[in-house]
């Protein structure tokens, strides 16, 4: 509650995205970080979820 008795609005932040690019950092460095993470097998679940979403969007079955 605020001082005037009104409730504060709920603020929804985006979920943590390990595959996302931090726009406050150097883009090329961020792209390299994501590529190295993928090659090293980090964030497998997030990568697979992203692939699944893309395939569904394109109407392609997962193989």
PDB file of N, CA and C in Angstrom:
ATOM      1  N   UNK A   1       0.837  -1.182   0.000  1.00  0.00           N
ATOM      2  CA  UNK A   1       0.000   0.000   0.000  1.00  0.00           C
ATOM      3  C   UNK A   1       0.885   1.251   0.000  1.00  0.00           C
ATOM      4  N   UNK A   2       0.371   2.253  -0.657  1.00  0.00           N
ATOM      5  CA  UNK A   2       1.060   3.545  -0.669  1.00  0.00           C
ATOM      6  C   UNK A   2       0.565   4.377   0.506  1.00  0.00           C
ATOM      7  N   UNK A   3       1.161   5.541   0.680  1.00  0.00           N
ATOM      8  CA  UNK A   3       0.778   6.411   1.799  1.00  0.00           C
ATOM      9  C   UNK A   3      -0.676   6.851   1.721  1.00  0.00           C
ATOM     10  N   UNK A   4      -1.204   6.965   0.500  1.00  0.00           N
ATOM     11  CA  UNK A   4      -2.602   7.401   0.363  1.00  0.00           C
ATOM     12  C   UNK A   4      -3.589   6.236   0.442  1.00  0.00           C
ATOM     13  N   UNK A   5      -3.104   5.039   0.746  1.00  0.00           N
ATOM     14  CA  UNK A   5      -3.972   3.884   0.936  1.00  0.00           C
ATOM     15  C   UNK A   5      -4.280   3.093  -0.322  1.00  0.00           C
ATOM     16  N   UNK A   6      -3.742   3.534  -1.442  1.00  0.00           N
ATOM     17  CA  UNK A   6      -3.975   2.807  -2.684  1.00  0.00           C
ATOM     18  C   UNK A   6      -2.961   1.675  -2.808  1.00  0.00           C
ATOM     19  N   UNK A   7      -3.394   0.599  -3.426  1.00  0.00           N
ATOM     20  CA  UNK A   7      -2.464  -0.524  -3.610  1.00  0.00           C
ATOM     21  C   UNK A   7      -1.514  -0.216  -4.763  1.00  0.00           C
ATOM     22  N   UNK A   8      -0.328  -0.772  -4.670  1.00  0.00           N
ATOM     23  CA  UNK A   8       0.663  -0.587  -5.722  1.00  0.00           C
ATOM     24  C   UNK A   8       0.350  -1.539  -6.873  1.00  0.00           C
ATOM     25  N   UNK A   9       0.643  -1.106  -8.089  1.00  0.00           N
ATOM     26  CA  UNK A   9       0.406  -2.005  -9.224  1.00  0.00           C
ATOM     27  C   UNK A   9       1.392  -3.171  -9.201  1.00  0.00           C
ATOM     28  N   UNK A  10       0.957  -4.288  -9.732  1.00  0.00           N
ATOM     29  CA  UNK A  10       1.833  -5.446  -9.846  1.00  0.00           C
ATOM     30  C   UNK A  10       2.732  -5.252 -11.054  1.00  0.00           C
ATOM     31  N   UNK A  11       4.010  -5.464 -10.849  1.00  0.00           N
ATOM     32  CA  UNK A  11       4.967  -5.322 -11.939  1.00  0.00           C
ATOM     33  C   UNK A  11       5.443  -6.710 -12.317  1.00  0.00           C
ATOM     34  N   UNK A  12       5.261  -7.035 -13.570  1.00  0.00           N
ATOM     35  CA  UNK A  12       5.677  -8.340 -14.071  1.00  0.00           C
ATOM     36  C   UNK A  12       6.944  -8.164 -14.888  1.00  0.00           C
ATOM     37  N   UNK A  13       8.013  -8.822 -14.475  1.00  0.00           N
ATOM     38  CA  UNK A  13       9.260  -8.769 -15.225  1.00  0.00           C
ATOM     39  C   UNK A  13       9.373  -9.985 -16.121  1.00  0.00           C
ATOM     40  N   UNK A  14      10.186  -9.873 -17.147  1.00  0.00           N
ATOM     41  CA  UNK A  14      10.355 -11.030 -18.028  1.00  0.00           C
ATOM     42  C   UNK A  14      11.079 -12.147 -17.298  1.00  0.00           C
ATOM     43  N   UNK A  15      10.816 -13.393 -17.676  1.00  0.00           N
ATOM     44  CA  UNK A  15      11.518 -14.501 -17.037  1.00  0.00           C
ATOM     45  C   UNK A  15      13.003 -14.476 -17.417  1.00  0.00           C
ATOM     46  N   UNK A  16      13.802 -15.097 -16.587  1.00  0.00           N
ATOM     47  CA  UNK A  16      15.228 -15.190 -16.885  1.00  0.00           C
ATOM     48  C   UNK A  16      15.399 -15.942 -18.197  1.00  0.00           C
ATOM     49  N   UNK A  17      16.146 -15.380 -19.124  1.00  0.00           N
ATOM     50  CA  UNK A  17      16.346 -15.996 -20.429  1.00  0.00           C
ATOM     51  C   UNK A  17      17.832 -16.220 -20.663  1.00  0.00           C
ATOM     52  N   UNK A  18      18.310 -17.448 -20.428  1.00  0.00           N
ATOM     53  CA  UNK A  18      19.739 -17.706 -20.603  1.00  0.00           C
ATOM     54  C   UNK A  18      20.188 -17.594 -22.055  1.00  0.00           C
ATOM     55  N   UNK A  19      19.237 -17.597 -22.985  1.00  0.00           N
ATOM     56  CA  UNK A  19      19.589 -17.480 -24.400  1.00  0.00           C
ATOM     57  C   UNK A  19      19.485 -16.051 -24.905  1.00  0.00           C
ATOM     58  N   UNK A  20      19.049 -15.158 -24.047  1.00  0.00           N
ATOM     59  CA  UNK A  20      18.842 -13.768 -24.452  1.00  0.00           C
ATOM     60  C   UNK A  20      20.133 -12.978 -24.524  1.00  0.00           C
ATOM     61  N   UNK A  21      20.083 -11.900 -25.273  1.00  0.00           N
ATOM     62  CA  UNK A  21      21.224 -10.998 -25.416  1.00  0.00           C
ATOM     63  C   UNK A  21      20.989  -9.776 -24.543  1.00  0.00           C
ATOM     64  N   UNK A  22      21.980  -9.448 -23.721  1.00  0.00           N
ATOM     65  CA  UNK A  22      21.913  -8.250 -22.883  1.00  0.00           C
ATOM     66  C   UNK A  22      22.288  -7.060 -23.762  1.00  0.00           C
ATOM     67  N   UNK A  23      21.313  -6.230 -24.083  1.00  0.00           N
ATOM     68  CA  UNK A  23      21.544  -5.115 -24.991  1.00  0.00           C
ATOM     69  C   UNK A  23      22.440  -4.033 -24.409  1.00  0.00           C
ATOM     70  N   UNK A  24      22.705  -4.101 -23.107  1.00  0.00           N
ATOM     71  CA  UNK A  24      23.619  -3.142 -22.486  1.00  0.00           C
ATOM     72  C   UNK A  24      25.079  -3.553 -22.656  1.00  0.00           C
ATOM     73  N   UNK A  25      25.287  -4.752 -23.213  1.00  0.00           N
ATOM     74  CA  UNK A  25      26.657  -5.258 -23.414  1.00  0.00           C
ATOM     75  C   UNK A  25      26.980  -5.284 -24.907  1.00  0.00           C
ATOM     76  N   UNK A  26      28.234  -5.545 -25.219  1.00  0.00           N
ATOM     77  CA  UNK A  26      28.699  -5.641 -26.592  1.00  0.00           C
ATOM     78  C   UNK A  26      27.975  -6.791 -27.308  1.00  0.00           C
ATOM     79  N   UNK A  27      27.295  -6.480 -28.413  1.00  0.00           N
ATOM     80  CA  UNK A  27      26.497  -7.486 -29.116  1.00  0.00           C
ATOM     81  C   UNK A  27      27.347  -8.673 -29.566  1.00  0.00           C
ATOM     82  N   UNK A  28      28.515  -8.402 -30.154  1.00  0.00           N
ATOM     83  CA  UNK A  28      29.359  -9.489 -30.648  1.00  0.00           C
ATOM     84  C   UNK A  28      29.817 -10.402 -29.516  1.00  0.00           C
ATOM     85  N   UNK A  29      30.156  -9.829 -28.384  1.00  0.00           N
ATOM     86  CA  UNK A  29      30.568 -10.633 -27.235  1.00  0.00           C
ATOM     87  C   UNK A  29      29.409 -11.487 -26.731  1.00  0.00           C
ATOM     88  N   UNK A  30      28.209 -10.914 -26.723  1.00  0.00           N
ATOM     89  CA  UNK A  30      27.030 -11.669 -26.294  1.00  0.00           C
ATOM     90  C   UNK A  30      26.731 -12.804 -27.264  1.00  0.00           C
ATOM     91  N   UNK A  31      26.855 -12.562 -28.559  1.00  0.00           N
ATOM     92  CA  UNK A  31      26.615 -13.609 -29.553  1.00  0.00           C
ATOM     93  C   UNK A  31      27.630 -14.736 -29.384  1.00  0.00           C
ATOM     94  N   UNK A  32      28.895 -14.380 -29.131  1.00  0.00           N
ATOM     95  CA  UNK A  32      29.921 -15.407 -28.898  1.00  0.00           C
ATOM     96  C   UNK A  32      29.621 -16.210 -27.637  1.00  0.00           C
ATOM     97  N   UNK A  33      29.149 -15.525 -26.588  1.00  0.00           N
ATOM     98  CA  UNK A  33      28.811 -16.217 -25.338  1.00  0.00           C
ATOM     99  C   UNK A  33      27.713 -17.248 -25.579  1.00  0.00           C
ATOM    100  N   UNK A  34      26.684 -16.840 -26.311  1.00  0.00           N
ATOM    101  CA  UNK A  34      25.576 -17.747 -26.586  1.00  0.00           C
ATOM    102  C   UNK A  34      26.049 -18.928 -27.435  1.00  0.00           C
ATOM    103  N   UNK A  35      26.885 -18.659 -28.437  1.00  0.00           N
ATOM    104  CA  UNK A  35      27.409 -19.733 -29.292  1.00  0.00           C
ATOM    105  C   UNK A  35      28.267 -20.702 -28.488  1.00  0.00           C
ATOM    106  N   UNK A  36      29.151 -20.179 -27.639  1.00  0.00           N
ATOM    107  CA  UNK A  36      29.996 -21.043 -26.811  1.00  0.00           C
ATOM    108  C   UNK A  36      29.145 -21.875 -25.855  1.00  0.00           C
ATOM    109  N   UNK A  37      28.124 -21.265 -25.272  1.00  0.00           N
ATOM    110  CA  UNK A  37      27.232 -22.003 -24.375  1.00  0.00           C
ATOM    111  C   UNK A  37      26.568 -23.157 -25.115  1.00  0.00           C
ATOM    112  N   UNK A  38      26.105 -22.905 -26.331  1.00  0.00           N
ATOM    113  CA  UNK A  38      25.441 -23.954 -27.114  1.00  0.00           C
ATOM    114  C   UNK A  38      26.408 -25.076 -27.456  1.00  0.00           C
ATOM    115  N   UNK A  39      27.603 -24.721 -27.879  1.00  0.00           N
ATOM    116  CA  UNK A  39      28.612 -25.727 -28.228  1.00  0.00           C
ATOM    117  C   UNK A  39      28.975 -26.564 -27.008  1.00  0.00           C
ATOM    118  N   UNK A  40      29.069 -25.924 -25.854  1.00  0.00           N
ATOM    119  CA  UNK A  40      29.425 -26.627 -24.626  1.00  0.00           C
ATOM    120  C   UNK A  40      28.253 -27.378 -24.003  1.00  0.00           C
ATOM    121  N   UNK A  41      27.058 -27.245 -24.594  1.00  0.00           N
ATOM    122  CA  UNK A  41      25.894 -27.977 -24.096  1.00  0.00           C
ATOM    123  C   UNK A  41      25.195 -27.323 -22.918  1.00  0.00           C
ATOM    124  N   UNK A  42      25.475 -26.061 -22.665  1.00  0.00           N
ATOM    125  CA  UNK A  42      24.803 -25.377 -21.559  1.00  0.00           C
ATOM    126  C   UNK A  42      23.379 -25.006 -21.974  1.00  0.00           C
ATOM    127  N   UNK A  43      22.502 -24.931 -21.015  1.00  0.00           N
ATOM    128  CA  UNK A  43      21.114 -24.492 -21.218  1.00  0.00           C
ATOM    129  C   UNK A  43      20.368 -25.372 -22.221  1.00  0.00           C
ATOM    130  N   UNK A  44      20.636 -26.687 -22.181  1.00  0.00           N
ATOM    131  CA  UNK A  44      19.997 -27.615 -23.130  1.00  0.00           C
ATOM    132  C   UNK A  44      18.476 -27.493 -23.129  1.00  0.00           C
ATOM    133  N   UNK A  45      17.895 -27.399 -21.941  1.00  0.00           N
ATOM    134  CA  UNK A  45      16.435 -27.338 -21.861  1.00  0.00           C
ATOM    135  C   UNK A  45      15.905 -26.070 -22.525  1.00  0.00           C
ATOM    136  N   UNK A  46      16.574 -24.947 -22.302  1.00  0.00           N
ATOM    137  CA  UNK A  46      16.131 -23.687 -22.908  1.00  0.00           C
ATOM    138  C   UNK A  46      16.295 -23.733 -24.426  1.00  0.00           C
ATOM    139  N   UNK A  47      17.391 -24.316 -24.895  1.00  0.00           N
ATOM    140  CA  UNK A  47      17.619 -24.437 -26.339  1.00  0.00           C
ATOM    141  C   UNK A  47      16.538 -25.319 -26.960  1.00  0.00           C
ATOM    142  N   UNK A  48      16.256 -26.463 -26.327  1.00  0.00           N
ATOM    143  CA  UNK A  48      15.245 -27.370 -26.867  1.00  0.00           C
ATOM    144  C   UNK A  48      13.863 -26.727 -26.879  1.00  0.00           C
ATOM    145  N   UNK A  49      13.539 -25.972 -25.833  1.00  0.00           N
ATOM    146  CA  UNK A  49      12.251 -25.288 -25.784  1.00  0.00           C
ATOM    147  C   UNK A  49      12.156 -24.256 -26.910  1.00  0.00           C
ATOM    148  N   UNK A  50      13.241 -23.556 -27.182  1.00  0.00           N
ATOM    149  CA  UNK A  50      13.254 -22.566 -28.264  1.00  0.00           C
ATOM    150  C   UNK A  50      13.080 -23.241 -29.617  1.00  0.00           C
ATOM    151  N   UNK A  51      13.761 -24.364 -29.826  1.00  0.00           N
ATOM    152  CA  UNK A  51      13.630 -25.116 -31.083  1.00  0.00           C
ATOM    153  C   UNK A  51      12.199 -25.617 -31.241  1.00  0.00           C
ATOM    154  N   UNK A  52      11.638 -26.164 -30.183  1.00  0.00           N
ATOM    155  CA  UNK A  52      10.259 -26.666 -30.232  1.00  0.00           C
ATOM    156  C   UNK A  52       9.277 -25.557 -30.596  1.00  0.00           C
ATOM    157  N   UNK A  53       9.444 -24.366 -29.988  1.00  0.00           N
ATOM    158  CA  UNK A  53       8.559 -23.238 -30.303  1.00  0.00           C
ATOM    159  C   UNK A  53       8.686 -22.838 -31.774  1.00  0.00           C
ATOM    160  N   UNK A  54       9.919 -22.802 -32.274  1.00  0.00           N
ATOM    161  CA  UNK A  54      10.128 -22.431 -33.676  1.00  0.00           C
ATOM    162  C   UNK A  54       9.491 -23.457 -34.604  1.00  0.00           C
ATOM    163  N   UNK A  55       9.675 -24.734 -34.336  1.00  0.00           N
ATOM    164  CA  UNK A  55       9.092 -25.770 -35.179  1.00  0.00           C
ATOM    165  C   UNK A  55       7.564 -25.701 -35.182  1.00  0.00           C
ATOM    166  N   UNK A  56       6.970 -25.476 -34.010  1.00  0.00           N
ATOM    167  CA  UNK A  56       5.509 -25.340 -33.940  1.00  0.00           C
ATOM    168  C   UNK A  56       5.044 -24.135 -34.760  1.00  0.00           C
ATOM    169  N   UNK A  57       5.773 -23.021 -34.626  1.00  0.00           N
ATOM    170  CA  UNK A  57       5.410 -21.806 -35.352  1.00  0.00           C
ATOM    171  C   UNK A  57       5.450 -22.046 -36.857  1.00  0.00           C
ATOM    172  N   UNK A  58       6.411 -22.836 -37.313  1.00  0.00           N
ATOM    173  CA  UNK A  58       6.574 -23.118 -38.735  1.00  0.00           C
ATOM    174  C   UNK A  58       5.718 -24.304 -39.189  1.00  0.00           C
ATOM    175  N   UNK A  59       4.993 -24.918 -38.253  1.00  0.00           N
ATOM    176  CA  UNK A  59       4.133 -26.046 -38.593  1.00  0.00           C
ATOM    177  C   UNK A  59       4.912 -27.300 -38.946  1.00  0.00           C
ATOM    178  N   UNK A  60       6.097 -27.449 -38.375  1.00  0.00           N
ATOM    179  CA  UNK A  60       6.951 -28.596 -38.668  1.00  0.00           C
ATOM    180  C   UNK A  60       6.980 -29.505 -37.445  1.00  0.00           C
ATOM    181  N   UNK A  61       6.914 -30.806 -37.690  1.00  0.00           N
ATOM    182  CA  UNK A  61       7.006 -31.739 -36.550  1.00  0.00           C
ATOM    183  C   UNK A  61       8.426 -31.846 -36.029  1.00  0.00           C
ATOM    184  N   UNK A  62       8.547 -32.129 -34.756  1.00  0.00           N
ATOM    185  CA  UNK A  62       9.872 -32.339 -34.162  1.00  0.00           C
ATOM    186  C   UNK A  62      10.348 -33.730 -34.570  1.00  0.00           C
ATOM    187  N   UNK A  63      11.576 -33.809 -35.002  1.00  0.00           N
ATOM    188  CA  UNK A  63      12.108 -35.119 -35.436  1.00  0.00           C
ATOM    189  C   UNK A  63      13.096 -35.655 -34.461  1.00  0.00           C
TER     190      UNK A  63
END
